[in-house]
């Protein structure tokens, strides 16, 4: 999900659903390893995740792969 869309979702989005004391790990499209990490998540969760969620993750990985300003993680 794009940052602007997540912020617009408010409490309905991923960040809004997280508990205040819950740890989060964020992947950014600029990180060259991000698409592979998402694909790994898909592979590990393939059997127990709804198809629409898997499809969303795959589309995210594709967009990350094509992001114009990719670089190694900071």
PDB file of N, CA and C in Angstrom:
ATOM      1  N   UNK A   1       0.842  -1.173   0.000  1.00  0.00           N
ATOM      2  CA  UNK A   1       0.000   0.000   0.000  1.00  0.00           C
ATOM      3  C   UNK A   1       0.890   1.240   0.000  1.00  0.00           C
ATOM      4  N   UNK A   2       0.504   2.196  -0.762  1.00  0.00           N
ATOM      5  CA  UNK A   2       1.251   3.453  -0.780  1.00  0.00           C
ATOM      6  C   UNK A   2       1.013   4.224   0.522  1.00  0.00           C
ATOM      7  N   UNK A   3       2.028   4.966   0.932  1.00  0.00           N
ATOM      8  CA  UNK A   3       1.964   5.727   2.178  1.00  0.00           C
ATOM      9  C   UNK A   3       0.712   6.599   2.239  1.00  0.00           C
ATOM     10  N   UNK A   4       0.442   7.332   1.146  1.00  0.00           N
ATOM     11  CA  UNK A   4      -0.712   8.244   1.142  1.00  0.00           C
ATOM     12  C   UNK A   4      -2.023   7.484   1.320  1.00  0.00           C
ATOM     13  N   UNK A   5      -2.101   6.266   0.753  1.00  0.00           N
ATOM     14  CA  UNK A   5      -3.313   5.466   0.891  1.00  0.00           C
ATOM     15  C   UNK A   5      -3.456   4.921   2.311  1.00  0.00           C
ATOM     16  N   UNK A   6      -2.347   4.487   2.901  1.00  0.00           N
ATOM     17  CA  UNK A   6      -2.376   3.986   4.281  1.00  0.00           C
ATOM     18  C   UNK A   6      -2.814   5.088   5.231  1.00  0.00           C
ATOM     19  N   UNK A   7      -2.286   6.282   5.052  1.00  0.00           N
ATOM     20  CA  UNK A   7      -2.669   7.397   5.916  1.00  0.00           C
ATOM     21  C   UNK A   7      -4.136   7.766   5.733  1.00  0.00           C
ATOM     22  N   UNK A   8      -4.635   7.675   4.503  1.00  0.00           N
ATOM     23  CA  UNK A   8      -6.037   7.992   4.232  1.00  0.00           C
ATOM     24  C   UNK A   8      -6.973   6.957   4.843  1.00  0.00           C
ATOM     25  N   UNK A   9      -6.513   5.711   4.950  1.00  0.00           N
ATOM     26  CA  UNK A   9      -7.338   4.643   5.521  1.00  0.00           C
ATOM     27  C   UNK A   9      -7.557   4.842   7.020  1.00  0.00           C
ATOM     28  N   UNK A  10      -6.635   5.514   7.687  1.00  0.00           N
ATOM     29  CA  UNK A  10      -6.760   5.743   9.118  1.00  0.00           C
ATOM     30  C   UNK A  10      -6.810   4.447   9.887  1.00  0.00           C
ATOM     31  N   UNK A  11      -7.819   4.293  10.740  1.00  0.00           N
ATOM     32  CA  UNK A  11      -7.934   3.120  11.601  1.00  0.00           C
ATOM     33  C   UNK A  11      -8.206   1.837  10.833  1.00  0.00           C
ATOM     34  N   UNK A  12      -8.653   1.931   9.577  1.00  0.00           N
ATOM     35  CA  UNK A  12      -8.965   0.744   8.779  1.00  0.00           C
ATOM     36  C   UNK A  12      -7.721   0.115   8.167  1.00  0.00           C
ATOM     37  N   UNK A  13      -6.656   0.883   8.019  1.00  0.00           N
ATOM     38  CA  UNK A  13      -5.438   0.394   7.389  1.00  0.00           C
ATOM     39  C   UNK A  13      -4.595  -0.458   8.325  1.00  0.00           C
ATOM     40  N   UNK A  14      -3.529  -0.981   7.789  1.00  0.00           N
ATOM     41  CA  UNK A  14      -2.619  -1.851   8.533  1.00  0.00           C
ATOM     42  C   UNK A  14      -2.077  -1.163   9.789  1.00  0.00           C
ATOM     43  N   UNK A  15      -1.619   0.060   9.648  1.00  0.00           N
ATOM     44  CA  UNK A  15      -1.073   0.777  10.800  1.00  0.00           C
ATOM     45  C   UNK A  15      -2.151   1.068  11.838  1.00  0.00           C
ATOM     46  N   UNK A  16      -3.340   1.386  11.370  1.00  0.00           N
ATOM     47  CA  UNK A  16      -4.433   1.665  12.288  1.00  0.00           C
ATOM     48  C   UNK A  16      -4.897   0.437  13.053  1.00  0.00           C
ATOM     49  N   UNK A  17      -4.758  -0.738  12.447  1.00  0.00           N
ATOM     50  CA  UNK A  17      -5.163  -1.985  13.097  1.00  0.00           C
ATOM     51  C   UNK A  17      -4.145  -2.469  14.121  1.00  0.00           C
ATOM     52  N   UNK A  18      -2.900  -2.027  13.992  1.00  0.00           N
ATOM     53  CA  UNK A  18      -1.848  -2.472  14.910  1.00  0.00           C
ATOM     54  C   UNK A  18      -2.089  -1.904  16.301  1.00  0.00           C
ATOM     55  N   UNK A  19      -1.819  -2.725  17.291  1.00  0.00           N
ATOM     56  CA  UNK A  19      -1.938  -2.275  18.681  1.00  0.00           C
ATOM     57  C   UNK A  19      -0.808  -1.288  18.978  1.00  0.00           C
ATOM     58  N   UNK A  20      -1.026  -0.425  19.942  1.00  0.00           N
ATOM     59  CA  UNK A  20      -0.039   0.604  20.266  1.00  0.00           C
ATOM     60  C   UNK A  20       1.312   0.031  20.675  1.00  0.00           C
ATOM     61  N   UNK A  21       1.327  -1.143  21.286  1.00  0.00           N
ATOM     62  CA  UNK A  21       2.589  -1.738  21.724  1.00  0.00           C
ATOM     63  C   UNK A  21       3.093  -2.834  20.777  1.00  0.00           C
ATOM     64  N   UNK A  22       2.467  -2.963  19.610  1.00  0.00           N
ATOM     65  CA  UNK A  22       2.837  -3.995  18.650  1.00  0.00           C
ATOM     66  C   UNK A  22       4.019  -3.544  17.788  1.00  0.00           C
ATOM     67  N   UNK A  23       5.019  -4.409  17.673  1.00  0.00           N
ATOM     68  CA  UNK A  23       6.177  -4.115  16.820  1.00  0.00           C
ATOM     69  C   UNK A  23       5.774  -4.234  15.345  1.00  0.00           C
ATOM     70  N   UNK A  24       6.315  -3.346  14.529  1.00  0.00           N
ATOM     71  CA  UNK A  24       6.061  -3.351  13.085  1.00  0.00           C
ATOM     72  C   UNK A  24       7.394  -3.342  12.352  1.00  0.00           C
ATOM     73  N   UNK A  25       7.408  -3.926  11.167  1.00  0.00           N
ATOM     74  CA  UNK A  25       8.578  -3.888  10.300  1.00  0.00           C
ATOM     75  C   UNK A  25       8.091  -3.417   8.946  1.00  0.00           C
ATOM     76  N   UNK A  26       8.635  -2.330   8.462  1.00  0.00           N
ATOM     77  CA  UNK A  26       8.167  -1.737   7.214  1.00  0.00           C
ATOM     78  C   UNK A  26       9.199  -1.921   6.114  1.00  0.00           C
ATOM     79  N   UNK A  27       8.741  -2.426   4.983  1.00  0.00           N
ATOM     80  CA  UNK A  27       9.574  -2.525   3.788  1.00  0.00           C
ATOM     81  C   UNK A  27       9.258  -1.353   2.882  1.00  0.00           C
ATOM     82  N   UNK A  28      10.291  -0.724   2.362  1.00  0.00           N
ATOM     83  CA  UNK A  28      10.092   0.382   1.432  1.00  0.00           C
ATOM     84  C   UNK A  28      10.464  -0.061   0.034  1.00  0.00           C
ATOM     85  N   UNK A  29       9.764   0.473  -0.948  1.00  0.00           N
ATOM     86  CA  UNK A  29      10.009   0.107  -2.345  1.00  0.00           C
ATOM     87  C   UNK A  29      11.427   0.447  -2.780  1.00  0.00           C
ATOM     88  N   UNK A  30      12.031   1.429  -2.171  1.00  0.00           N
ATOM     89  CA  UNK A  30      13.395   1.808  -2.560  1.00  0.00           C
ATOM     90  C   UNK A  30      14.418   0.739  -2.201  1.00  0.00           C
ATOM     91  N   UNK A  31      14.108  -0.132  -1.256  1.00  0.00           N
ATOM     92  CA  UNK A  31      15.029  -1.189  -0.832  1.00  0.00           C
ATOM     93  C   UNK A  31      15.064  -2.289  -1.894  1.00  0.00           C
ATOM     94  N   UNK A  32      16.239  -2.534  -2.478  1.00  0.00           N
ATOM     95  CA  UNK A  32      16.327  -3.500  -3.572  1.00  0.00           C
ATOM     96  C   UNK A  32      15.912  -4.908  -3.156  1.00  0.00           C
ATOM     97  N   UNK A  33      15.976  -5.228  -1.869  1.00  0.00           N
ATOM     98  CA  UNK A  33      15.592  -6.569  -1.422  1.00  0.00           C
ATOM     99  C   UNK A  33      14.096  -6.693  -1.113  1.00  0.00           C
ATOM    100  N   UNK A  34      13.369  -5.590  -1.074  1.00  0.00           N
ATOM    101  CA  UNK A  34      11.964  -5.602  -0.673  1.00  0.00           C
ATOM    102  C   UNK A  34      11.088  -6.539  -1.504  1.00  0.00           C
ATOM    103  N   UNK A  35      11.152  -6.527  -2.833  1.00  0.00           N
ATOM    104  CA  UNK A  35      10.278  -7.429  -3.597  1.00  0.00           C
ATOM    105  C   UNK A  35      10.532  -8.904  -3.278  1.00  0.00           C
ATOM    106  N   UNK A  36      11.793  -9.276  -3.087  1.00  0.00           N
ATOM    107  CA  UNK A  36      12.109 -10.667  -2.762  1.00  0.00           C
ATOM    108  C   UNK A  36      11.584 -11.052  -1.391  1.00  0.00           C
ATOM    109  N   UNK A  37      11.617 -10.122  -0.462  1.00  0.00           N
ATOM    110  CA  UNK A  37      11.086 -10.390   0.881  1.00  0.00           C
ATOM    111  C   UNK A  37       9.579 -10.624   0.804  1.00  0.00           C
ATOM    112  N   UNK A  38       8.885  -9.823   0.015  1.00  0.00           N
ATOM    113  CA  UNK A  38       7.438  -9.991  -0.147  1.00  0.00           C
ATOM    114  C   UNK A  38       7.138 -11.329  -0.819  1.00  0.00           C
ATOM    115  N   UNK A  39       7.893 -11.690  -1.834  1.00  0.00           N
ATOM    116  CA  UNK A  39       7.687 -12.986  -2.494  1.00  0.00           C
ATOM    117  C   UNK A  39       7.948 -14.144  -1.534  1.00  0.00           C
ATOM    118  N   UNK A  40       8.928 -13.997  -0.661  1.00  0.00           N
ATOM    119  CA  UNK A  40       9.200 -15.023   0.344  1.00  0.00           C
ATOM    120  C   UNK A  40       8.009 -15.147   1.300  1.00  0.00           C
ATOM    121  N   UNK A  41       7.447 -14.014   1.703  1.00  0.00           N
ATOM    122  CA  UNK A  41       6.272 -14.031   2.577  1.00  0.00           C
ATOM    123  C   UNK A  41       5.117 -14.766   1.892  1.00  0.00           C
ATOM    124  N   UNK A  42       4.908 -14.490   0.604  1.00  0.00           N
ATOM    125  CA  UNK A  42       3.846 -15.169  -0.155  1.00  0.00           C
ATOM    126  C   UNK A  42       4.067 -16.674  -0.124  1.00  0.00           C
ATOM    127  N   UNK A  43       5.289 -17.106  -0.397  1.00  0.00           N
ATOM    128  CA  UNK A  43       5.595 -18.543  -0.423  1.00  0.00           C
ATOM    129  C   UNK A  43       5.341 -19.193   0.936  1.00  0.00           C
ATOM    130  N   UNK A  44       5.718 -18.517   2.007  1.00  0.00           N
ATOM    131  CA  UNK A  44       5.559 -19.073   3.354  1.00  0.00           C
ATOM    132  C   UNK A  44       4.104 -19.071   3.818  1.00  0.00           C
ATOM    133  N   UNK A  45       3.281 -18.207   3.256  1.00  0.00           N
ATOM    134  CA  UNK A  45       1.887 -18.073   3.698  1.00  0.00           C
ATOM    135  C   UNK A  45       0.881 -18.517   2.656  1.00  0.00           C
ATOM    136  N   UNK A  46       1.351 -19.170   1.612  1.00  0.00           N
ATOM    137  CA  UNK A  46       0.512 -19.548   0.482  1.00  0.00           C
ATOM    138  C   UNK A  46      -0.672 -20.429   0.872  1.00  0.00           C
ATOM    139  N   UNK A  47      -0.470 -21.351   1.773  1.00  0.00           N
ATOM    140  CA  UNK A  47      -1.503 -22.323   2.139  1.00  0.00           C
ATOM    141  C   UNK A  47      -2.570 -21.776   3.090  1.00  0.00           C
ATOM    142  N   UNK A  48      -2.254 -20.716   3.822  1.00  0.00           N
ATOM    143  CA  UNK A  48      -3.179 -20.282   4.875  1.00  0.00           C
ATOM    144  C   UNK A  48      -3.610 -18.816   4.765  1.00  0.00           C
ATOM    145  N   UNK A  49      -3.453 -18.231   3.574  1.00  0.00           N
ATOM    146  CA  UNK A  49      -3.802 -16.824   3.388  1.00  0.00           C
ATOM    147  C   UNK A  49      -4.806 -16.691   2.252  1.00  0.00           C
ATOM    148  N   UNK A  50      -5.829 -15.854   2.429  1.00  0.00           N
ATOM    149  CA  UNK A  50      -6.814 -15.673   1.361  1.00  0.00           C
ATOM    150  C   UNK A  50      -6.164 -15.221   0.055  1.00  0.00           C
ATOM    151  N   UNK A  51      -6.725 -15.687  -1.045  1.00  0.00           N
ATOM    152  CA  UNK A  51      -6.164 -15.410  -2.368  1.00  0.00           C
ATOM    153  C   UNK A  51      -6.048 -13.921  -2.647  1.00  0.00           C
ATOM    154  N   UNK A  52      -7.022 -13.128  -2.226  1.00  0.00           N
ATOM    155  CA  UNK A  52      -6.959 -11.691  -2.496  1.00  0.00           C
ATOM    156  C   UNK A  52      -5.783 -11.038  -1.775  1.00  0.00           C
ATOM    157  N   UNK A  53      -5.453 -11.517  -0.580  1.00  0.00           N
ATOM    158  CA  UNK A  53      -4.311 -10.980   0.165  1.00  0.00           C
ATOM    159  C   UNK A  53      -2.999 -11.369  -0.521  1.00  0.00           C
ATOM    160  N   UNK A  54      -2.912 -12.612  -1.017  1.00  0.00           N
ATOM    161  CA  UNK A  54      -1.724 -13.061  -1.747  1.00  0.00           C
ATOM    162  C   UNK A  54      -1.548 -12.256  -3.036  1.00  0.00           C
ATOM    163  N   UNK A  55      -2.648 -12.035  -3.733  1.00  0.00           N
ATOM    164  CA  UNK A  55      -2.603 -11.270  -4.986  1.00  0.00           C
ATOM    165  C   UNK A  55      -2.147  -9.837  -4.712  1.00  0.00           C
ATOM    166  N   UNK A  56      -2.665  -9.234  -3.646  1.00  0.00           N
ATOM    167  CA  UNK A  56      -2.268  -7.876  -3.277  1.00  0.00           C
ATOM    168  C   UNK A  56      -0.765  -7.820  -2.971  1.00  0.00           C
ATOM    169  N   UNK A  57      -0.274  -8.823  -2.262  1.00  0.00           N
ATOM    170  CA  UNK A  57       1.154  -8.870  -1.937  1.00  0.00           C
ATOM    171  C   UNK A  57       1.991  -9.020  -3.202  1.00  0.00           C
ATOM    172  N   UNK A  58       1.541  -9.867  -4.136  1.00  0.00           N
ATOM    173  CA  UNK A  58       2.274 -10.063  -5.381  1.00  0.00           C
ATOM    174  C   UNK A  58       2.312  -8.778  -6.209  1.00  0.00           C
ATOM    175  N   UNK A  59       1.189  -8.097  -6.298  1.00  0.00           N
ATOM    176  CA  UNK A  59       1.136  -6.834  -7.035  1.00  0.00           C
ATOM    177  C   UNK A  59       2.051  -5.794  -6.382  1.00  0.00           C
ATOM    178  N   UNK A  60       2.104  -5.816  -5.064  1.00  0.00           N
ATOM    179  CA  UNK A  60       2.999  -4.922  -4.338  1.00  0.00           C
ATOM    180  C   UNK A  60       4.452  -5.229  -4.690  1.00  0.00           C
ATOM    181  N   UNK A  61       4.815  -6.511  -4.718  1.00  0.00           N
ATOM    182  CA  UNK A  61       6.179  -6.909  -5.060  1.00  0.00           C
ATOM    183  C   UNK A  61       6.546  -6.446  -6.472  1.00  0.00           C
ATOM    184  N   UNK A  62       5.610  -6.571  -7.401  1.00  0.00           N
ATOM    185  CA  UNK A  62       5.867  -6.122  -8.770  1.00  0.00           C
ATOM    186  C   UNK A  62       6.098  -4.613  -8.830  1.00  0.00           C
ATOM    187  N   UNK A  63       5.274  -3.869  -8.118  1.00  0.00           N
ATOM    188  CA  UNK A  63       5.444  -2.413  -8.113  1.00  0.00           C
ATOM    189  C   UNK A  63       6.752  -2.022  -7.439  1.00  0.00           C
ATOM    190  N   UNK A  64       7.107  -2.728  -6.367  1.00  0.00           N
ATOM    191  CA  UNK A  64       8.386  -2.460  -5.704  1.00  0.00           C
ATOM    192  C   UNK A  64       9.551  -2.726  -6.657  1.00  0.00           C
ATOM    193  N   UNK A  65       9.465  -3.818  -7.404  1.00  0.00           N
ATOM    194  CA  UNK A  65      10.530  -4.179  -8.344  1.00  0.00           C
ATOM    195  C   UNK A  65      10.724  -3.087  -9.400  1.00  0.00           C
ATOM    196  N   UNK A  66       9.640  -2.443  -9.773  1.00  0.00           N
ATOM    197  CA  UNK A  66       9.690  -1.427 -10.826  1.00  0.00           C
ATOM    198  C   UNK A  66       9.841   0.001 -10.299  1.00  0.00           C
ATOM    199  N   UNK A  67      10.022   0.139  -8.990  1.00  0.00           N
ATOM    200  CA  UNK A  67      10.155   1.477  -8.403  1.00  0.00           C
ATOM    201  C   UNK A  67      11.393   2.173  -8.968  1.00  0.00           C
ATOM    202  N   UNK A  68      11.271   3.425  -9.290  1.00  0.00           N
ATOM    203  CA  UNK A  68      12.312   4.165 -10.006  1.00  0.00           C
ATOM    204  C   UNK A  68      13.550   4.510  -9.182  1.00  0.00           C
ATOM    205  N   UNK A  69      13.454   4.537  -7.885  1.00  0.00           N
ATOM    206  CA  UNK A  69      14.573   5.008  -7.050  1.00  0.00           C
ATOM    207  C   UNK A  69      15.078   3.924  -6.102  1.00  0.00           C
ATOM    208  N   UNK A  70      15.306   2.723  -6.633  1.00  0.00           N
ATOM    209  CA  UNK A  70      15.742   1.612  -5.784  1.00  0.00           C
ATOM    210  C   UNK A  70      17.208   1.769  -5.401  1.00  0.00           C
ATOM    211  N   UNK A  71      17.521   1.305  -4.185  1.00  0.00           N
ATOM    212  CA  UNK A  71      18.896   1.338  -3.690  1.00  0.00           C
ATOM    213  C   UNK A  71      19.042   0.330  -2.559  1.00  0.00           C
ATOM    214  N   UNK A  72      20.256   0.109  -2.115  1.00  0.00           N
ATOM    215  CA  UNK A  72      20.484  -0.776  -0.968  1.00  0.00           C
ATOM    216  C   UNK A  72      19.922  -0.109   0.271  1.00  0.00           C
ATOM    217  N   UNK A  73      19.558  -0.923   1.237  1.00  0.00           N
ATOM    218  CA  UNK A  73      18.956  -0.407   2.473  1.00  0.00           C
ATOM    219  C   UNK A  73      19.909   0.549   3.199  1.00  0.00           C
ATOM    220  N   UNK A  74      19.333   1.555   3.814  1.00  0.00           N
ATOM    221  CA  UNK A  74      20.132   2.528   4.595  1.00  0.00           C
ATOM    222  C   UNK A  74      20.574   1.914   5.905  1.00  0.00           C
TER     223      UNK A  74
END
